[in-house]
Amino acid sequence: MNSRRRHLLLISAGLAALGGGLALALYRTSTDDRAAAVARMFAMVLDDPSGKQQPLEQWKDKWLVLNFWATWCAPCVEEMPTLQQVARDYADRGVVVVGLGIDRAEAIRRFKTQLNLDLPLLVAGATGSELARELGNPSGALPYTVLISPRGTVVQTRLGLVRPELLRSWLDSHLPA
């Protein structure tokens, strides 16, 4: 092999190693950032629509489907019956579905009553938008769904409408049969 070719191979290998190192650093940073965001989230106390304070740590050792939504968001409204059904179907398997409303308490209370929902809906307002960003939603768009393991790890995220089959596949792939 001539020296020019060897030199190019060394440069290529060095650039590949540098790229791999940068990718690993970015992955670790985002993983560390999300872990910190989950810890902050579990330290939060938010009001339910009736004004009762709800500490999020009450769901710390469960599989948590965290859904960021609003009453004025059409896809959010569309997916809410799916979230309710999944909450019922997976409750005995240690799964809790919690909706963080980027909305006013009155609107959330009315919405919950109209749809006869029993899953926990909390009033998050602007705090919820910031938390969604920290959990991997830089655009702040809704709906945004996050699956958090009992160990506090963000396992899955979805920006946009979450279909029942997708949510069930997330859960079934992580839960014992």
C-alpha atoms as a PDB file:
ATOM      1  CA  MET A   1       0.000   0.000   0.000  1.00  0.00           C
ATOM      2  CA  ASN A   2       1.439   3.392  -0.915  1.00  0.00           C
ATOM      3  CA  SER A   3       1.894   6.104   1.700  1.00  0.00           C
ATOM      4  CA  ARG A   4      -0.843   8.326   0.263  1.00  0.00           C
ATOM      5  CA  ARG A   5      -3.426   5.565   0.546  1.00  0.00           C
ATOM      6  CA  ARG A   6      -2.272   4.715   4.104  1.00  0.00           C
ATOM      7  CA  HIS A   7      -2.494   8.402   5.039  1.00  0.00           C
ATOM      8  CA  LEU A   8      -6.093   8.590   3.694  1.00  0.00           C
ATOM      9  CA  LEU A   9      -7.059   5.440   5.613  1.00  0.00           C
ATOM     10  CA  LEU A  10      -5.655   6.863   8.845  1.00  0.00           C
ATOM     11  CA  ILE A  11      -7.498  10.142   8.334  1.00  0.00           C
ATOM     12  CA  SER A  12     -10.732   8.246   7.551  1.00  0.00           C
ATOM     13  CA  ALA A  13     -10.356   6.074  10.655  1.00  0.00           C
ATOM     14  CA  GLY A  14      -9.679   9.143  12.785  1.00  0.00           C
ATOM     15  CA  LEU A  15     -12.746  10.952  11.448  1.00  0.00           C
ATOM     16  CA  ALA A  16     -14.895   7.869  12.026  1.00  0.00           C
ATOM     17  CA  ALA A  17     -13.666   7.617  15.614  1.00  0.00           C
ATOM     18  CA  LEU A  18     -14.322  11.328  16.152  1.00  0.00           C
ATOM     19  CA  GLY A  19     -17.847  10.994  14.721  1.00  0.00           C
ATOM     20  CA  GLY A  20     -18.563   7.988  16.913  1.00  0.00           C
ATOM     21  CA  GLY A  21     -17.331   9.833  19.980  1.00  0.00           C
ATOM     22  CA  LEU A  22     -19.504  12.851  19.185  1.00  0.00           C
ATOM     23  CA  ALA A  23     -22.541  10.643  18.619  1.00  0.00           C
ATOM     24  CA  LEU A  24     -21.963   8.876  21.938  1.00  0.00           C
ATOM     25  CA  ALA A  25     -21.535  12.209  23.725  1.00  0.00           C
ATOM     26  CA  LEU A  26     -24.785  13.545  22.240  1.00  0.00           C
ATOM     27  CA  TYR A  27     -26.626  10.337  23.162  1.00  0.00           C
ATOM     28  CA  ARG A  28     -25.331  10.392  26.724  1.00  0.00           C
ATOM     29  CA  THR A  29     -26.160  14.086  27.093  1.00  0.00           C
ATOM     30  CA  SER A  30     -29.714  13.613  25.845  1.00  0.00           C
ATOM     31  CA  THR A  31     -30.153  10.506  28.033  1.00  0.00           C
ATOM     32  CA  ASP A  32     -28.780  12.364  31.071  1.00  0.00           C
ATOM     33  CA  ASP A  33     -30.984  15.386  30.290  1.00  0.00           C
ATOM     34  CA  ARG A  34     -34.083  13.202  30.039  1.00  0.00           C
ATOM     35  CA  ALA A  35     -33.227  11.393  33.273  1.00  0.00           C
ATOM     36  CA  ALA A  36     -32.948  14.765  35.006  1.00  0.00           C
ATOM     37  CA  ALA A  37     -36.256  15.854  33.450  1.00  0.00           C
ATOM     38  CA  VAL A  38     -37.970  12.679  34.707  1.00  0.00           C
ATOM     39  CA  ALA A  39     -36.583  13.304  38.197  1.00  0.00           C
ATOM     40  CA  ARG A  40     -37.910  16.899  38.096  1.00  0.00           C
ATOM     41  CA  MET A  41     -41.255  15.649  36.823  1.00  0.00           C
ATOM     42  CA  PHE A  42     -41.626  13.188  39.704  1.00  0.00           C
ATOM     43  CA  ALA A  43     -40.870  16.036  42.135  1.00  0.00           C
ATOM     44  CA  MET A  44     -43.768  18.100  40.735  1.00  0.00           C
ATOM     45  CA  VAL A  45     -47.139  18.550  42.349  1.00  0.00           C
ATOM     46  CA  LEU A  46     -49.938  19.617  39.994  1.00  0.00           C
ATOM     47  CA  ASP A  47     -53.604  20.310  40.576  1.00  0.00           C
ATOM     48  CA  ASP A  48     -56.282  18.054  39.201  1.00  0.00           C
ATOM     49  CA  PRO A  49     -59.248  19.845  37.570  1.00  0.00           C
ATOM     50  CA  SER A  50     -61.047  20.114  40.926  1.00  0.00           C
ATOM     51  CA  GLY A  51     -58.067  21.899  42.499  1.00  0.00           C
ATOM     52  CA  LYS A  52     -56.734  18.965  44.540  1.00  0.00           C
ATOM     53  CA  GLN A  53     -52.956  18.740  44.490  1.00  0.00           C
ATOM     54  CA  GLN A  54     -51.551  15.559  42.981  1.00  0.00           C
ATOM     55  CA  PRO A  55     -47.873  14.638  43.500  1.00  0.00           C
ATOM     56  CA  LEU A  56     -46.546  12.948  40.371  1.00  0.00           C
ATOM     57  CA  GLU A  57     -44.309  10.768  42.548  1.00  0.00           C
ATOM     58  CA  GLN A  58     -47.401   8.662  43.320  1.00  0.00           C
ATOM     59  CA  TRP A  59     -46.806   6.990  39.934  1.00  0.00           C
ATOM     60  CA  LYS A  60     -43.032   6.660  40.303  1.00  0.00           C
ATOM     61  CA  ASP A  61     -42.752   2.853  40.475  1.00  0.00           C
ATOM     62  CA  LYS A  62     -45.202   2.136  37.655  1.00  0.00           C
ATOM     63  CA  TRP A  63     -45.108   2.143  33.892  1.00  0.00           C
ATOM     64  CA  LEU A  64     -46.254   5.683  33.172  1.00  0.00           C
ATOM     65  CA  VAL A  65     -47.838   6.822  29.923  1.00  0.00           C
ATOM     66  CA  LEU A  66     -47.577  10.590  30.148  1.00  0.00           C
ATOM     67  CA  ASN A  67     -49.694  12.431  27.606  1.00  0.00           C
ATOM     68  CA  PHE A  68     -49.351  16.168  27.001  1.00  0.00           C
ATOM     69  CA  TRP A  69     -52.591  17.501  25.545  1.00  0.00           C
ATOM     70  CA  ALA A  70     -55.095  20.366  25.448  1.00  0.00           C
ATOM     71  CA  THR A  71     -58.852  20.655  25.008  1.00  0.00           C
ATOM     72  CA  TRP A  72     -58.356  22.918  21.966  1.00  0.00           C
ATOM     73  CA  CYS A  73     -56.101  20.357  20.207  1.00  0.00           C
ATOM     74  CA  ALA A  74     -58.174  18.199  17.807  1.00  0.00           C
ATOM     75  CA  PRO A  75     -55.772  15.188  17.718  1.00  0.00           C
ATOM     76  CA  CYS A  76     -55.532  15.341  21.530  1.00  0.00           C
ATOM     77  CA  VAL A  77     -59.302  15.122  21.827  1.00  0.00           C
ATOM     78  CA  GLU A  78     -59.389  12.298  19.260  1.00  0.00           C
ATOM     79  CA  GLU A  79     -56.863  10.145  21.133  1.00  0.00           C
ATOM     80  CA  MET A  80     -58.324  10.615  24.619  1.00  0.00           C
ATOM     81  CA  PRO A  81     -60.773   7.648  24.393  1.00  0.00           C
ATOM     82  CA  THR A  82     -57.818   5.454  23.341  1.00  0.00           C
ATOM     83  CA  LEU A  83     -55.828   6.617  26.352  1.00  0.00           C
ATOM     84  CA  GLN A  84     -58.804   5.923  28.617  1.00  0.00           C
ATOM     85  CA  GLN A  85     -59.221   2.400  27.237  1.00  0.00           C
ATOM     86  CA  VAL A  86     -55.501   1.611  27.511  1.00  0.00           C
ATOM     87  CA  ALA A  87     -55.541   2.902  31.104  1.00  0.00           C
ATOM     88  CA  ARG A  88     -58.342   0.466  31.925  1.00  0.00           C
ATOM     89  CA  ASP A  89     -56.890  -2.482  29.993  1.00  0.00           C
ATOM     90  CA  TYR A  90     -53.387  -2.199  31.455  1.00  0.00           C
ATOM     91  CA  ALA A  91     -54.133  -1.034  35.013  1.00  0.00           C
ATOM     92  CA  ASP A  92     -53.701  -4.537  36.439  1.00  0.00           C
ATOM     93  CA  ARG A  93     -50.269  -4.745  34.758  1.00  0.00           C
ATOM     94  CA  GLY A  94     -48.838  -1.747  36.617  1.00  0.00           C
ATOM     95  CA  VAL A  95     -49.516   0.866  33.934  1.00  0.00           C
ATOM     96  CA  VAL A  96     -50.902   4.316  34.648  1.00  0.00           C
ATOM     97  CA  VAL A  97     -51.957   6.814  31.993  1.00  0.00           C
ATOM     98  CA  VAL A  98     -51.803  10.462  33.084  1.00  0.00           C
ATOM     99  CA  GLY A  99     -52.818  13.439  30.974  1.00  0.00           C
ATOM    100  CA  LEU A 100     -51.003  16.726  31.537  1.00  0.00           C
ATOM    101  CA  GLY A 101     -53.308  19.415  30.219  1.00  0.00           C
ATOM    102  CA  ILE A 102     -51.708  22.489  28.706  1.00  0.00           C
ATOM    103  CA  ASP A 103     -54.942  24.250  29.497  1.00  0.00           C
ATOM    104  CA  ARG A 104     -57.064  25.886  32.189  1.00  0.00           C
ATOM    105  CA  ALA A 105     -58.590  23.873  35.033  1.00  0.00           C
ATOM    106  CA  GLU A 106     -62.146  24.819  34.043  1.00  0.00           C
ATOM    107  CA  ALA A 107     -61.686  23.592  30.449  1.00  0.00           C
ATOM    108  CA  ILE A 108     -60.110  20.326  31.631  1.00  0.00           C
ATOM    109  CA  ARG A 109     -62.874  19.766  34.204  1.00  0.00           C
ATOM    110  CA  ARG A 110     -65.581  20.292  31.562  1.00  0.00           C
ATOM    111  CA  PHE A 111     -63.764  18.018  29.099  1.00  0.00           C
ATOM    112  CA  LYS A 112     -63.318  15.237  31.667  1.00  0.00           C
ATOM    113  CA  THR A 113     -67.014  15.370  32.578  1.00  0.00           C
ATOM    114  CA  GLN A 114     -68.223  15.446  28.950  1.00  0.00           C
ATOM    115  CA  LEU A 115     -66.155  12.394  27.994  1.00  0.00           C
ATOM    116  CA  ASN A 116     -66.761  10.624  31.325  1.00  0.00           C
ATOM    117  CA  LEU A 117     -63.018  10.058  31.811  1.00  0.00           C
ATOM    118  CA  ASP A 118     -61.572   8.481  34.928  1.00  0.00           C
ATOM    119  CA  LEU A 119     -57.884   8.591  34.066  1.00  0.00           C
ATOM    120  CA  PRO A 120     -55.933  11.252  35.959  1.00  0.00           C
ATOM    121  CA  LEU A 121     -55.932  14.580  34.144  1.00  0.00           C
ATOM    122  CA  LEU A 122     -53.782  17.294  35.678  1.00  0.00           C
ATOM    123  CA  VAL A 123     -53.545  21.021  35.039  1.00  0.00           C
ATOM    124  CA  ALA A 124     -50.006  21.666  33.828  1.00  0.00           C
ATOM    125  CA  GLY A 125     -50.265  24.928  31.858  1.00  0.00           C
ATOM    126  CA  ALA A 126     -46.959  26.437  30.706  1.00  0.00           C
ATOM    127  CA  THR A 127     -45.063  24.192  33.135  1.00  0.00           C
ATOM    128  CA  GLY A 128     -46.308  21.231  31.114  1.00  0.00           C
ATOM    129  CA  SER A 129     -45.022  22.721  27.866  1.00  0.00           C
ATOM    130  CA  GLU A 130     -41.567  23.147  29.374  1.00  0.00           C
ATOM    131  CA  LEU A 131     -41.601  19.610  30.775  1.00  0.00           C
ATOM    132  CA  ALA A 132     -42.576  18.223  27.350  1.00  0.00           C
ATOM    133  CA  ARG A 133     -39.573  20.015  25.823  1.00  0.00           C
ATOM    134  CA  GLU A 134     -37.269  18.559  28.475  1.00  0.00           C
ATOM    135  CA  LEU A 135     -38.668  15.083  27.744  1.00  0.00           C
ATOM    136  CA  GLY A 136     -37.800  15.306  24.064  1.00  0.00           C
ATOM    137  CA  ASN A 137     -40.384  17.536  22.365  1.00  0.00           C
ATOM    138  CA  PRO A 138     -38.409  20.587  21.219  1.00  0.00           C
ATOM    139  CA  SER A 139     -41.298  21.954  19.127  1.00  0.00           C
ATOM    140  CA  GLY A 140     -43.772  21.984  22.006  1.00  0.00           C
ATOM    141  CA  ALA A 141     -46.463  20.676  19.626  1.00  0.00           C
ATOM    142  CA  LEU A 142     -49.359  18.582  20.906  1.00  0.00           C
ATOM    143  CA  PRO A 143     -50.214  15.847  21.529  1.00  0.00           C
ATOM    144  CA  TYR A 144     -46.987  14.398  22.859  1.00  0.00           C
ATOM    145  CA  THR A 145     -46.831  11.018  24.583  1.00  0.00           C
ATOM    146  CA  VAL A 146     -43.988   9.611  26.669  1.00  0.00           C
ATOM    147  CA  LEU A 147     -43.616   6.109  28.089  1.00  0.00           C
ATOM    148  CA  ILE A 148     -41.555   6.073  31.292  1.00  0.00           C
ATOM    149  CA  SER A 149     -40.398   2.827  32.899  1.00  0.00           C
ATOM    150  CA  PRO A 150     -40.685   2.107  36.649  1.00  0.00           C
ATOM    151  CA  ARG A 151     -36.933   2.849  36.831  1.00  0.00           C
ATOM    152  CA  GLY A 152     -37.590   6.379  35.541  1.00  0.00           C
ATOM    153  CA  THR A 153     -36.241   5.856  32.033  1.00  0.00           C
ATOM    154  CA  VAL A 154     -37.876   7.425  28.979  1.00  0.00           C
ATOM    155  CA  VAL A 155     -38.516   4.351  26.834  1.00  0.00           C
ATOM    156  CA  GLN A 156     -40.686   5.716  23.992  1.00  0.00           C
ATOM    157  CA  THR A 157     -41.942   9.071  22.759  1.00  0.00           C
ATOM    158  CA  ARG A 158     -44.453  10.069  20.117  1.00  0.00           C
ATOM    159  CA  LEU A 159     -45.236  13.521  18.770  1.00  0.00           C
ATOM    160  CA  GLY A 160     -48.709  13.558  17.264  1.00  0.00           C
ATOM    161  CA  LEU A 161     -51.728  11.341  17.555  1.00  0.00           C
ATOM    162  CA  VAL A 162     -50.932   8.031  19.239  1.00  0.00           C
ATOM    163  CA  ARG A 163     -52.915   5.183  17.742  1.00  0.00           C
ATOM    164  CA  PRO A 164     -54.127   2.410  20.067  1.00  0.00           C
ATOM    165  CA  GLU A 165     -52.108  -0.278  18.286  1.00  0.00           C
ATOM    166  CA  LEU A 166     -48.892   1.735  18.676  1.00  0.00           C
ATOM    167  CA  LEU A 167     -49.451   2.380  22.369  1.00  0.00           C
ATOM    168  CA  ARG A 168     -50.348  -1.264  22.986  1.00  0.00           C
ATOM    169  CA  SER A 169     -47.234  -2.428  21.096  1.00  0.00           C
ATOM    170  CA  TRP A 170     -45.068  -0.151  23.261  1.00  0.00           C
ATOM    171  CA  LEU A 171     -46.535  -1.610  26.425  1.00  0.00           C
ATOM    172  CA  ASP A 172     -46.643  -5.222  25.269  1.00  0.00           C
ATOM    173  CA  SER A 173     -42.982  -5.100  24.245  1.00  0.00           C
ATOM    174  CA  HIS A 174     -41.937  -4.021  27.755  1.00  0.00           C
ATOM    175  CA  LEU A 175     -44.397  -5.775  30.050  1.00  0.00           C
ATOM    176  CA  PRO A 176     -44.342  -9.446  30.988  1.00  0.00           C
ATOM    177  CA  ALA A 177     -47.052 -11.467  29.228  1.00  0.00           C
END
